[in-house]
């Protein structure tokens, strides 16, 4: 069973770039051919990508995505998926905890 690479806490107003580094799983000369980021409710299937994830960009062997919004008190799973120049497919998940300070 796969596990998340980490948890990121933010307030609902914040829009932050979250970077995932795949270099430990890729060969030195290998590049990222394509990437997607999907945001779903933690433990569920409701897709929040259109409101919570910007368009991912690639820098070397990392993927950067602007994560925004969310409802305070909720947990979300940001799933970063890539296809490499060697036709390998990798996935890394970041748990997003939304918590507004009152």
PDB file of N, CA and C in Angstrom:
ATOM      1  N   UNK A   1       0.839  -1.181   0.000  1.00  0.00           N
ATOM      2  CA  UNK A   1       0.000   0.000   0.000  1.00  0.00           C
ATOM      3  C   UNK A   1       0.882   1.242   0.000  1.00  0.00           C
ATOM      4  N   UNK A   2       0.600   2.167  -0.890  1.00  0.00           N
ATOM      5  CA  UNK A   2       1.370   3.406  -0.982  1.00  0.00           C
ATOM      6  C   UNK A   2       0.963   4.357   0.129  1.00  0.00           C
ATOM      7  N   UNK A   3       1.880   5.207   0.480  1.00  0.00           N
ATOM      8  CA  UNK A   3       1.570   6.210   1.497  1.00  0.00           C
ATOM      9  C   UNK A   3       1.924   7.585   0.969  1.00  0.00           C
ATOM     10  N   UNK A   4       1.420   8.603   1.617  1.00  0.00           N
ATOM     11  CA  UNK A   4       1.670   9.981   1.207  1.00  0.00           C
ATOM     12  C   UNK A   4       3.118  10.351   1.504  1.00  0.00           C
ATOM     13  N   UNK A   5       3.684  11.225   0.676  1.00  0.00           N
ATOM     14  CA  UNK A   5       5.054  11.663   0.908  1.00  0.00           C
ATOM     15  C   UNK A   5       5.118  12.761   1.964  1.00  0.00           C
ATOM     16  N   UNK A   6       3.958  13.286   2.346  1.00  0.00           N
ATOM     17  CA  UNK A   6       3.936  14.308   3.381  1.00  0.00           C
ATOM     18  C   UNK A   6       2.581  14.960   3.494  1.00  0.00           C
ATOM     19  N   UNK A   7       2.453  15.794   4.519  1.00  0.00           N
ATOM     20  CA  UNK A   7       1.230  16.548   4.754  1.00  0.00           C
ATOM     21  C   UNK A   7       1.568  18.024   4.713  1.00  0.00           C
ATOM     22  N   UNK A   8       0.731  18.788   4.041  1.00  0.00           N
ATOM     23  CA  UNK A   8       0.917  20.229   3.940  1.00  0.00           C
ATOM     24  C   UNK A   8      -0.312  20.897   4.533  1.00  0.00           C
ATOM     25  N   UNK A   9      -0.113  21.801   5.472  1.00  0.00           N
ATOM     26  CA  UNK A   9      -1.234  22.507   6.093  1.00  0.00           C
ATOM     27  C   UNK A   9      -1.325  23.917   5.527  1.00  0.00           C
ATOM     28  N   UNK A  10      -2.545  24.340   5.177  1.00  0.00           N
ATOM     29  CA  UNK A  10      -2.768  25.681   4.636  1.00  0.00           C
ATOM     30  C   UNK A  10      -4.124  26.199   5.080  1.00  0.00           C
ATOM     31  N   UNK A  11      -4.294  27.512   4.978  1.00  0.00           N
ATOM     32  CA  UNK A  11      -5.607  28.113   5.214  1.00  0.00           C
ATOM     33  C   UNK A  11      -6.339  28.187   3.879  1.00  0.00           C
ATOM     34  N   UNK A  12      -7.659  28.257   3.921  1.00  0.00           N
ATOM     35  CA  UNK A  12      -8.457  28.196   2.695  1.00  0.00           C
ATOM     36  C   UNK A  12      -8.143  29.346   1.732  1.00  0.00           C
ATOM     37  N   UNK A  13      -7.753  30.506   2.236  1.00  0.00           N
ATOM     38  CA  UNK A  13      -7.430  31.659   1.383  1.00  0.00           C
ATOM     39  C   UNK A  13      -6.115  31.471   0.628  1.00  0.00           C
ATOM     40  N   UNK A  14      -5.200  30.712   1.197  1.00  0.00           N
ATOM     41  CA  UNK A  14      -3.851  30.614   0.648  1.00  0.00           C
ATOM     42  C   UNK A  14      -3.799  29.858  -0.678  1.00  0.00           C
ATOM     43  N   UNK A  15      -2.897  30.333  -1.536  1.00  0.00           N
ATOM     44  CA  UNK A  15      -2.578  29.679  -2.796  1.00  0.00           C
ATOM     45  C   UNK A  15      -1.073  29.463  -2.786  1.00  0.00           C
ATOM     46  N   UNK A  16      -0.649  28.210  -2.716  1.00  0.00           N
ATOM     47  CA  UNK A  16       0.766  27.898  -2.531  1.00  0.00           C
ATOM     48  C   UNK A  16       1.252  26.856  -3.550  1.00  0.00           C
ATOM     49  N   UNK A  17       2.479  27.065  -4.025  1.00  0.00           N
ATOM     50  CA  UNK A  17       3.102  26.081  -4.907  1.00  0.00           C
ATOM     51  C   UNK A  17       3.645  24.935  -4.063  1.00  0.00           C
ATOM     52  N   UNK A  18       3.239  23.731  -4.412  1.00  0.00           N
ATOM     53  CA  UNK A  18       3.775  22.543  -3.755  1.00  0.00           C
ATOM     54  C   UNK A  18       4.557  21.762  -4.804  1.00  0.00           C
ATOM     55  N   UNK A  19       5.809  21.490  -4.476  1.00  0.00           N
ATOM     56  CA  UNK A  19       6.730  20.826  -5.397  1.00  0.00           C
ATOM     57  C   UNK A  19       6.969  19.390  -4.961  1.00  0.00           C
ATOM     58  N   UNK A  20       6.897  18.483  -5.920  1.00  0.00           N
ATOM     59  CA  UNK A  20       7.205  17.072  -5.664  1.00  0.00           C
ATOM     60  C   UNK A  20       8.408  16.699  -6.524  1.00  0.00           C
ATOM     61  N   UNK A  21       9.423  16.146  -5.870  1.00  0.00           N
ATOM     62  CA  UNK A  21      10.678  15.762  -6.517  1.00  0.00           C
ATOM     63  C   UNK A  21      10.674  14.258  -6.786  1.00  0.00           C
ATOM     64  N   UNK A  22      10.791  13.887  -8.062  1.00  0.00           N
ATOM     65  CA  UNK A  22      10.797  12.480  -8.456  1.00  0.00           C
ATOM     66  C   UNK A  22      12.204  11.969  -8.750  1.00  0.00           C
ATOM     67  N   UNK A  23      13.235  12.754  -8.503  1.00  0.00           N
ATOM     68  CA  UNK A  23      14.595  12.404  -8.906  1.00  0.00           C
ATOM     69  C   UNK A  23      15.110  11.118  -8.258  1.00  0.00           C
ATOM     70  N   UNK A  24      14.617  10.784  -7.078  1.00  0.00           N
ATOM     71  CA  UNK A  24      15.080   9.555  -6.423  1.00  0.00           C
ATOM     72  C   UNK A  24      14.527   8.298  -7.090  1.00  0.00           C
ATOM     73  N   UNK A  25      13.581   8.452  -8.001  1.00  0.00           N
ATOM     74  CA  UNK A  25      12.984   7.300  -8.672  1.00  0.00           C
ATOM     75  C   UNK A  25      13.324   7.251 -10.162  1.00  0.00           C
ATOM     76  N   UNK A  26      14.014   8.285 -10.646  1.00  0.00           N
ATOM     77  CA  UNK A  26      14.317   8.400 -12.071  1.00  0.00           C
ATOM     78  C   UNK A  26      15.818   8.305 -12.318  1.00  0.00           C
ATOM     79  N   UNK A  27      16.184   7.828 -13.511  1.00  0.00           N
ATOM     80  CA  UNK A  27      17.585   7.817 -13.918  1.00  0.00           C
ATOM     81  C   UNK A  27      18.039   9.260 -14.149  1.00  0.00           C
ATOM     82  N   UNK A  28      19.328   9.500 -14.041  1.00  0.00           N
ATOM     83  CA  UNK A  28      19.875  10.854 -14.141  1.00  0.00           C
ATOM     84  C   UNK A  28      19.459  11.562 -15.429  1.00  0.00           C
ATOM     85  N   UNK A  29      19.528  10.883 -16.569  1.00  0.00           N
ATOM     86  CA  UNK A  29      19.212  11.508 -17.853  1.00  0.00           C
ATOM     87  C   UNK A  29      17.725  11.467 -18.204  1.00  0.00           C
ATOM     88  N   UNK A  30      16.937  10.812 -17.388  1.00  0.00           N
ATOM     89  CA  UNK A  30      15.502  10.673 -17.650  1.00  0.00           C
ATOM     90  C   UNK A  30      14.792  11.997 -17.397  1.00  0.00           C
ATOM     91  N   UNK A  31      13.792  12.292 -18.206  1.00  0.00           N
ATOM     92  CA  UNK A  31      13.032  13.536 -18.052  1.00  0.00           C
ATOM     93  C   UNK A  31      11.550  13.227 -17.865  1.00  0.00           C
ATOM     94  N   UNK A  32      10.815  14.218 -17.426  1.00  0.00           N
ATOM     95  CA  UNK A  32       9.362  14.089 -17.267  1.00  0.00           C
ATOM     96  C   UNK A  32       8.707  14.503 -18.572  1.00  0.00           C
ATOM     97  N   UNK A  33       7.977  13.579 -19.194  1.00  0.00           N
ATOM     98  CA  UNK A  33       7.294  13.840 -20.466  1.00  0.00           C
ATOM     99  C   UNK A  33       5.933  14.481 -20.266  1.00  0.00           C
ATOM    100  N   UNK A  34       5.227  14.044 -19.219  1.00  0.00           N
ATOM    101  CA  UNK A  34       3.914  14.622 -18.933  1.00  0.00           C
ATOM    102  C   UNK A  34       3.634  14.525 -17.440  1.00  0.00           C
ATOM    103  N   UNK A  35       2.765  15.426 -16.967  1.00  0.00           N
ATOM    104  CA  UNK A  35       2.410  15.418 -15.546  1.00  0.00           C
ATOM    105  C   UNK A  35       0.964  15.865 -15.377  1.00  0.00           C
ATOM    106  N   UNK A  36       0.331  15.319 -14.334  1.00  0.00           N
ATOM    107  CA  UNK A  36      -1.011  15.754 -13.950  1.00  0.00           C
ATOM    108  C   UNK A  36      -1.061  15.823 -12.427  1.00  0.00           C
ATOM    109  N   UNK A  37      -1.937  16.689 -11.932  1.00  0.00           N
ATOM    110  CA  UNK A  37      -2.193  16.755 -10.499  1.00  0.00           C
ATOM    111  C   UNK A  37      -3.700  16.715 -10.313  1.00  0.00           C
ATOM    112  N   UNK A  38      -4.155  15.760  -9.514  1.00  0.00           N
ATOM    113  CA  UNK A  38      -5.576  15.594  -9.225  1.00  0.00           C
ATOM    114  C   UNK A  38      -5.784  15.749  -7.725  1.00  0.00           C
ATOM    115  N   UNK A  39      -6.783  16.530  -7.338  1.00  0.00           N
ATOM    116  CA  UNK A  39      -7.094  16.725  -5.921  1.00  0.00           C
ATOM    117  C   UNK A  39      -8.457  16.110  -5.633  1.00  0.00           C
ATOM    118  N   UNK A  40      -8.479  15.188  -4.662  1.00  0.00           N
ATOM    119  CA  UNK A  40      -9.726  14.552  -4.247  1.00  0.00           C
ATOM    120  C   UNK A  40      -9.865  14.667  -2.736  1.00  0.00           C
ATOM    121  N   UNK A  41     -11.090  14.478  -2.267  1.00  0.00           N
ATOM    122  CA  UNK A  41     -11.319  14.441  -0.825  1.00  0.00           C
ATOM    123  C   UNK A  41     -10.582  13.223  -0.274  1.00  0.00           C
ATOM    124  N   UNK A  42      -9.896  13.386   0.841  1.00  0.00           N
ATOM    125  CA  UNK A  42      -9.148  12.271   1.457  1.00  0.00           C
ATOM    126  C   UNK A  42     -10.123  11.165   1.819  1.00  0.00           C
ATOM    127  N   UNK A  43      -9.846   9.972   1.320  1.00  0.00           N
ATOM    128  CA  UNK A  43     -10.703   8.829   1.600  1.00  0.00           C
ATOM    129  C   UNK A  43     -11.953   8.781   0.740  1.00  0.00           C
ATOM    130  N   UNK A  44     -12.056   9.677  -0.230  1.00  0.00           N
ATOM    131  CA  UNK A  44     -13.246   9.727  -1.078  1.00  0.00           C
ATOM    132  C   UNK A  44     -12.870   9.804  -2.540  1.00  0.00           C
ATOM    133  N   UNK A  45     -13.880  10.036  -3.361  1.00  0.00           N
ATOM    134  CA  UNK A  45     -13.644  10.094  -4.809  1.00  0.00           C
ATOM    135  C   UNK A  45     -14.048  11.428  -5.426  1.00  0.00           C
ATOM    136  N   UNK A  46     -14.607  12.351  -4.634  1.00  0.00           N
ATOM    137  CA  UNK A  46     -15.019  13.641  -5.176  1.00  0.00           C
ATOM    138  C   UNK A  46     -13.795  14.398  -5.671  1.00  0.00           C
ATOM    139  N   UNK A  47     -13.840  14.824  -6.935  1.00  0.00           N
ATOM    140  CA  UNK A  47     -12.712  15.492  -7.575  1.00  0.00           C
ATOM    141  C   UNK A  47     -12.827  17.008  -7.406  1.00  0.00           C
ATOM    142  N   UNK A  48     -11.817  17.610  -6.769  1.00  0.00           N
ATOM    143  CA  UNK A  48     -11.765  19.057  -6.548  1.00  0.00           C
ATOM    144  C   UNK A  48     -10.681  19.721  -7.396  1.00  0.00           C
ATOM    145  N   UNK A  49     -10.153  19.024  -8.383  1.00  0.00           N
ATOM    146  CA  UNK A  49      -9.037  19.527  -9.175  1.00  0.00           C
ATOM    147  C   UNK A  49      -9.329  20.870  -9.833  1.00  0.00           C
ATOM    148  N   UNK A  50     -10.533  21.051 -10.351  1.00  0.00           N
ATOM    149  CA  UNK A  50     -10.840  22.276 -11.089  1.00  0.00           C
ATOM    150  C   UNK A  50     -10.829  23.512 -10.197  1.00  0.00           C
ATOM    151  N   UNK A  51     -11.070  23.337  -8.906  1.00  0.00           N
ATOM    152  CA  UNK A  51     -11.086  24.491  -8.006  1.00  0.00           C
ATOM    153  C   UNK A  51      -9.859  24.570  -7.100  1.00  0.00           C
ATOM    154  N   UNK A  52      -9.121  23.477  -6.957  1.00  0.00           N
ATOM    155  CA  UNK A  52      -8.007  23.479  -6.006  1.00  0.00           C
ATOM    156  C   UNK A  52      -6.621  23.331  -6.633  1.00  0.00           C
ATOM    157  N   UNK A  53      -6.525  22.888  -7.876  1.00  0.00           N
ATOM    158  CA  UNK A  53      -5.206  22.664  -8.489  1.00  0.00           C
ATOM    159  C   UNK A  53      -5.037  23.523  -9.730  1.00  0.00           C
ATOM    160  N   UNK A  54      -3.909  24.212  -9.783  1.00  0.00           N
ATOM    161  CA  UNK A  54      -3.562  24.946 -10.994  1.00  0.00           C
ATOM    162  C   UNK A  54      -2.970  23.988 -12.012  1.00  0.00           C
ATOM    163  N   UNK A  55      -2.428  24.528 -13.083  1.00  0.00           N
ATOM    164  CA  UNK A  55      -1.787  23.717 -14.106  1.00  0.00           C
ATOM    165  C   UNK A  55      -0.377  23.362 -13.641  1.00  0.00           C
ATOM    166  N   UNK A  56      -0.049  22.071 -13.567  1.00  0.00           N
ATOM    167  CA  UNK A  56       1.289  21.697 -13.108  1.00  0.00           C
ATOM    168  C   UNK A  56       2.359  22.087 -14.120  1.00  0.00           C
ATOM    169  N   UNK A  57       3.548  22.410 -13.606  1.00  0.00           N
ATOM    170  CA  UNK A  57       4.688  22.689 -14.473  1.00  0.00           C
ATOM    171  C   UNK A  57       5.838  21.780 -14.050  1.00  0.00           C
ATOM    172  N   UNK A  58       6.728  21.535 -15.001  1.00  0.00           N
ATOM    173  CA  UNK A  58       7.864  20.648 -14.772  1.00  0.00           C
ATOM    174  C   UNK A  58       9.139  21.473 -14.744  1.00  0.00           C
ATOM    175  N   UNK A  59       9.976  21.190 -13.768  1.00  0.00           N
ATOM    176  CA  UNK A  59      11.298  21.802 -13.673  1.00  0.00           C
ATOM    177  C   UNK A  59      12.287  20.688 -13.350  1.00  0.00           C
ATOM    178  N   UNK A  60      13.055  20.282 -14.345  1.00  0.00           N
ATOM    179  CA  UNK A  60      13.971  19.156 -14.150  1.00  0.00           C
ATOM    180  C   UNK A  60      13.190  17.884 -13.870  1.00  0.00           C
ATOM    181  N   UNK A  61      13.429  17.292 -12.730  1.00  0.00           N
ATOM    182  CA  UNK A  61      12.726  16.067 -12.350  1.00  0.00           C
ATOM    183  C   UNK A  61      11.721  16.333 -11.234  1.00  0.00           C
ATOM    184  N   UNK A  62      11.213  17.566 -11.184  1.00  0.00           N
ATOM    185  CA  UNK A  62      10.199  17.938 -10.203  1.00  0.00           C
ATOM    186  C   UNK A  62       8.952  18.458 -10.900  1.00  0.00           C
ATOM    187  N   UNK A  63       7.827  18.342 -10.194  1.00  0.00           N
ATOM    188  CA  UNK A  63       6.553  18.891 -10.664  1.00  0.00           C
ATOM    189  C   UNK A  63       6.084  19.902  -9.628  1.00  0.00           C
ATOM    190  N   UNK A  64       5.694  21.077 -10.102  1.00  0.00           N
ATOM    191  CA  UNK A  64       5.231  22.168  -9.244  1.00  0.00           C
ATOM    192  C   UNK A  64       3.775  22.449  -9.596  1.00  0.00           C
ATOM    193  N   UNK A  65       2.937  22.560  -8.568  1.00  0.00           N
ATOM    194  CA  UNK A  65       1.521  22.853  -8.810  1.00  0.00           C
ATOM    195  C   UNK A  65       1.008  23.824  -7.751  1.00  0.00           C
ATOM    196  N   UNK A  66       0.244  24.820  -8.201  1.00  0.00           N
ATOM    197  CA  UNK A  66      -0.396  25.766  -7.291  1.00  0.00           C
ATOM    198  C   UNK A  66      -1.628  25.093  -6.688  1.00  0.00           C
ATOM    199  N   UNK A  67      -1.626  24.974  -5.365  1.00  0.00           N
ATOM    200  CA  UNK A  67      -2.759  24.388  -4.648  1.00  0.00           C
ATOM    201  C   UNK A  67      -3.480  25.530  -3.942  1.00  0.00           C
ATOM    202  N   UNK A  68      -4.798  25.601  -4.121  1.00  0.00           N
ATOM    203  CA  UNK A  68      -5.566  26.734  -3.594  1.00  0.00           C
ATOM    204  C   UNK A  68      -6.896  26.273  -3.034  1.00  0.00           C
ATOM    205  N   UNK A  69      -7.520  27.154  -2.248  1.00  0.00           N
ATOM    206  CA  UNK A  69      -8.874  26.914  -1.759  1.00  0.00           C
ATOM    207  C   UNK A  69      -8.980  25.767  -0.773  1.00  0.00           C
ATOM    208  N   UNK A  70     -10.123  25.109  -0.811  1.00  0.00           N
ATOM    209  CA  UNK A  70     -10.433  24.042   0.135  1.00  0.00           C
ATOM    210  C   UNK A  70     -11.336  24.555   1.239  1.00  0.00           C
ATOM    211  N   UNK A  71     -11.918  23.642   1.962  1.00  0.00           N
ATOM    212  CA  UNK A  71     -12.827  23.965   3.057  1.00  0.00           C
ATOM    213  C   UNK A  71     -12.153  23.646   4.377  1.00  0.00           C
ATOM    214  N   UNK A  72     -12.172  24.623   5.296  1.00  0.00           N
ATOM    215  CA  UNK A  72     -11.508  24.419   6.580  1.00  0.00           C
ATOM    216  C   UNK A  72     -12.032  23.173   7.285  1.00  0.00           C
ATOM    217  N   UNK A  73     -11.116  22.424   7.875  1.00  0.00           N
ATOM    218  CA  UNK A  73     -11.461  21.187   8.559  1.00  0.00           C
ATOM    219  C   UNK A  73     -11.392  19.951   7.680  1.00  0.00           C
ATOM    220  N   UNK A  74     -11.212  20.144   6.366  1.00  0.00           N
ATOM    221  CA  UNK A  74     -11.177  19.000   5.451  1.00  0.00           C
ATOM    222  C   UNK A  74      -9.761  18.595   5.099  1.00  0.00           C
ATOM    223  N   UNK A  75      -9.613  17.331   4.758  1.00  0.00           N
ATOM    224  CA  UNK A  75      -8.360  16.786   4.245  1.00  0.00           C
ATOM    225  C   UNK A  75      -8.544  16.435   2.778  1.00  0.00           C
ATOM    226  N   UNK A  76      -7.514  16.713   1.990  1.00  0.00           N
ATOM    227  CA  UNK A  76      -7.545  16.427   0.558  1.00  0.00           C
ATOM    228  C   UNK A  76      -6.289  15.656   0.189  1.00  0.00           C
ATOM    229  N   UNK A  77      -6.373  14.897  -0.884  1.00  0.00           N
ATOM    230  CA  UNK A  77      -5.226  14.170  -1.416  1.00  0.00           C
ATOM    231  C   UNK A  77      -4.862  14.770  -2.772  1.00  0.00           C
ATOM    232  N   UNK A  78      -3.657  15.332  -2.874  1.00  0.00           N
ATOM    233  CA  UNK A  78      -3.153  15.841  -4.155  1.00  0.00           C
ATOM    234  C   UNK A  78      -2.264  14.756  -4.742  1.00  0.00           C
ATOM    235  N   UNK A  79      -2.711  14.178  -5.844  1.00  0.00           N
ATOM    236  CA  UNK A  79      -2.007  13.075  -6.486  1.00  0.00           C
ATOM    237  C   UNK A  79      -1.230  13.604  -7.696  1.00  0.00           C
ATOM    238  N   UNK A  80       0.094  13.562  -7.594  1.00  0.00           N
ATOM    239  CA  UNK A  80       0.992  14.003  -8.668  1.00  0.00           C
ATOM    240  C   UNK A  80       1.386  12.765  -9.469  1.00  0.00           C
ATOM    241  N   UNK A  81       1.044  12.749 -10.758  1.00  0.00           N
ATOM    242  CA  UNK A  81       1.370  11.606 -11.619  1.00  0.00           C
ATOM    243  C   UNK A  81       2.218  12.082 -12.782  1.00  0.00           C
ATOM    244  N   UNK A  82       3.238  11.273 -13.100  1.00  0.00           N
ATOM    245  CA  UNK A  82       4.106  11.612 -14.229  1.00  0.00           C
ATOM    246  C   UNK A  82       4.316  10.404 -15.127  1.00  0.00           C
ATOM    247  N   UNK A  83       4.675  10.709 -16.377  1.00  0.00           N
ATOM    248  CA  UNK A  83       5.191   9.726 -17.324  1.00  0.00           C
ATOM    249  C   UNK A  83       6.561  10.250 -17.732  1.00  0.00           C
ATOM    250  N   UNK A  84       7.557   9.359 -17.724  1.00  0.00           N
ATOM    251  CA  UNK A  84       8.928   9.787 -18.009  1.00  0.00           C
ATOM    252  C   UNK A  84       9.325   9.480 -19.452  1.00  0.00           C
ATOM    253  N   UNK A  85      10.485  10.005 -19.838  1.00  0.00           N
ATOM    254  CA  UNK A  85      11.019   9.761 -21.179  1.00  0.00           C
ATOM    255  C   UNK A  85      11.346   8.286 -21.400  1.00  0.00           C
ATOM    256  N   UNK A  86      11.458   7.505 -20.332  1.00  0.00           N
ATOM    257  CA  UNK A  86      11.697   6.060 -20.427  1.00  0.00           C
ATOM    258  C   UNK A  86      10.381   5.278 -20.314  1.00  0.00           C
ATOM    259  N   UNK A  87       9.256   5.984 -20.452  1.00  0.00           N
ATOM    260  CA  UNK A  87       7.910   5.393 -20.388  1.00  0.00           C
ATOM    261  C   UNK A  87       7.564   4.817 -19.020  1.00  0.00           C
ATOM    262  N   UNK A  88       8.276   5.249 -17.985  1.00  0.00           N
ATOM    263  CA  UNK A  88       7.914   4.847 -16.629  1.00  0.00           C
ATOM    264  C   UNK A  88       6.798   5.772 -16.135  1.00  0.00           C
ATOM    265  N   UNK A  89       5.973   5.250 -15.248  1.00  0.00           N
ATOM    266  CA  UNK A  89       4.909   6.041 -14.635  1.00  0.00           C
ATOM    267  C   UNK A  89       5.104   6.030 -13.135  1.00  0.00           C
ATOM    268  N   UNK A  90       5.093   7.218 -12.533  1.00  0.00           N
ATOM    269  CA  UNK A  90       5.241   7.349 -11.089  1.00  0.00           C
ATOM    270  C   UNK A  90       4.127   8.215 -10.534  1.00  0.00           C
ATOM    271  N   UNK A  91       3.800   7.968  -9.275  1.00  0.00           N
ATOM    272  CA  UNK A  91       2.775   8.749  -8.586  1.00  0.00           C
ATOM    273  C   UNK A  91       3.262   9.069  -7.175  1.00  0.00           C
ATOM    274  N   UNK A  92       3.007  10.298  -6.750  1.00  0.00           N
ATOM    275  CA  UNK A  92       3.321  10.714  -5.377  1.00  0.00           C
ATOM    276  C   UNK A  92       2.120  11.490  -4.857  1.00  0.00           C
ATOM    277  N   UNK A  93       1.759  11.259  -3.598  1.00  0.00           N
ATOM    278  CA  UNK A  93       0.592  11.897  -3.005  1.00  0.00           C
ATOM    279  C   UNK A  93       0.994  12.801  -1.855  1.00  0.00           C
ATOM    280  N   UNK A  94       0.359  13.965  -1.824  1.00  0.00           N
ATOM    281  CA  UNK A  94       0.551  14.925  -0.740  1.00  0.00           C
ATOM    282  C   UNK A  94      -0.812  15.146  -0.091  1.00  0.00           C
ATOM    283  N   UNK A  95      -0.873  15.004   1.229  1.00  0.00           N
ATOM    284  CA  UNK A  95      -2.116  15.267   1.951  1.00  0.00           C
ATOM    285  C   UNK A  95      -2.172  16.763   2.232  1.00  0.00           C
ATOM    286  N   UNK A  96      -3.295  17.376   1.879  1.00  0.00           N
ATOM    287  CA  UNK A  96      -3.512  18.804   2.115  1.00  0.00           C
ATOM    288  C   UNK A  96      -4.520  18.939   3.251  1.00  0.00           C
ATOM    289  N   UNK A  97      -4.093  19.583   4.332  1.00  0.00           N
ATOM    290  CA  UNK A  97      -4.972  19.831   5.472  1.00  0.00           C
ATOM    291  C   UNK A  97      -5.332  21.310   5.456  1.00  0.00           C
ATOM    292  N   UNK A  98      -6.626  21.604   5.333  1.00  0.00           N
ATOM    293  CA  UNK A  98      -7.081  22.986   5.294  1.00  0.00           C
ATOM    294  C   UNK A  98      -7.598  23.335   6.679  1.00  0.00           C
ATOM    295  N   UNK A  99      -7.016  24.372   7.259  1.00  0.00           N
ATOM    296  CA  UNK A  99      -7.385  24.783   8.606  1.00  0.00           C
ATOM    297  C   UNK A  99      -7.275  26.300   8.734  1.00  0.00           C
ATOM    298  N   UNK A 100      -8.400  26.972   8.814  1.00  0.00           N
ATOM    299  CA  UNK A 100      -8.397  28.427   9.021  1.00  0.00           C
ATOM    300  C   UNK A 100      -8.253  28.722  10.499  1.00  0.00           C
ATOM    301  N   UNK A 101      -7.416  29.679  10.821  1.00  0.00           N
ATOM    302  CA  UNK A 101      -7.235  30.117  12.206  1.00  0.00           C
ATOM    303  C   UNK A 101      -8.337  31.121  12.519  1.00  0.00           C
ATOM    304  N   UNK A 102      -9.073  30.882  13.595  1.00  0.00           N
ATOM    305  CA  UNK A 102     -10.166  31.802  13.941  1.00  0.00           C
ATOM    306  C   UNK A 102      -9.863  32.562  15.204  1.00  0.00           C
TER     307      UNK A 102
END
